[in-house]
Amino acid sequence: MSADADVNVSRPSAADGLVMGKDGMAALVDVLNRRGFTVIGPTARDGAIVLAQLRSADELPYGWGVELEAGRYRLRERSDGAAFANAAGPQSWKSFLHPARVREWSADRVEGEVVFTAGQAPPPRYAFLGVRPCDARAIAVQDRVLTGGTYRDRGYARRRSGTLLIVVECTEPGATCFCVSMGTGPAAGPGFDLVMTEVVDEGGHRFWVRGGSREGAEILAELPARPADPETRETARAGVAAAADRMGRTMPEADLRELMAGTLDAPRWDDVAGRCLTCGNCTMVCPTCFCTTTEDVTDLTGDHAERWRLWDSCFDLDFSHLHGGPVRASARSRYRQWLTHKLGTWYDQFGSSGCVGCGRCIVWCPVGIDITEEAAALHDWTQSGQSASASEPA
């Protein structure tokens, strides 16, 4: 046991937390691995900050930041060596809790009988390291959607059960971030096991860490850390507060649910439809979109079959297909369906917005369509004295 570990015997209050250096981060990943977690966190790979399994803290993206804009994402080197000074990458934690491809079952013909086999192996117990506050909210939203109602997604519930959330507060938002508008960041909300704020200044490279659950506190007690000093706490809080004032985007100051309901016939939908490729990228990168479809496949002999569940998108022409054709055949109607659901009717279904302000849909749209710009244009249209009945029907 290290000398620093002796300090941890007498714990400060949860609000005060502890301070650890890069050695503490290395110890954290080691402790999580030793406890049997599959540790998932950010790492720099293939020109992006991606989420992947971490064997050690050395794989974290120390010294890498990002440059974001509508339809543009680039890595850039940082001189301060910070690990978490980068905004959301192309993936979200949805990729692990609600995977893009899941085999539901397989069936084999054996001696004239059909034998079914469950398609999913027991999931690992995940520890998510580096969850942004907006993404923590997105996980809570998906919890509500997939396990909070009458019909529970049992596969999601198994993967989510026991998942450890280690949230990192944001001190450097990207140019497409608007979590403040959605009330989801940059400070952490409830629901974490551990939360940390990274500080890099003349006092060194360190992390202010607080526990949010019993298990989180137990893990924290195993790390080489010291009681948090007032200077580190204040510097960390100031960094998060400053980030709130540097959001790259904002939503209009309006009731978004009412705005969506009152602008269904606005001419702006024609404008965005002329740019939208209906590729579905926005739904793929969105941390809360949850729609799926099923696909049955067989081998050439006909003796083996599988059913797969796949991500689906409301931008797909076949998504609303009924006998006779799709309900939403135009790009206008499909984009409108996505935006009005995300910002409006999601409230009717689940009691919250479906948008957490991460900005991924802006960055990864091939033509740079900006959800905040579209909402602002609709708001401006309502403020100009127009009414839903004044324009052409949808």
Foldseek 3Di string as FASTA:
>chain_A
DDPLLVQLVDPDDLVQFWKDFVQLQQVLLVLCVVVFAFEWEWADDPFWTDIDGDNGPVRQHFQWEWAFAFQDIGIDGHPQRDRQQYADILAACCCQLVNQKFWQWKWFQDPNDIDIDGGDDQDGAHEYAAAAQLRLVLVVLQCCVAPVDPHHDVSSVRRPPNYAYEYEAHLHAYLQFALVQQVRDSDHDADHQKYWYWDGDPVHTMIGMGGRDPVSSVSSSPGSIHGHDPVVVVRRVVSRVVNNVVHNFHADPDQLQVLLVWCQQPCVLVVVLVQAPLPQSLLRSQSNNRDWDKDKDDDPVRRMIIIMIGHDALSDQCPQADVPGRPDNGSSSSVSVVLSCQRHCVCVVRNGHNGSRSRSSQHNRNRRDRSRVSSVVSVVCVVVVDGSVNHDHD
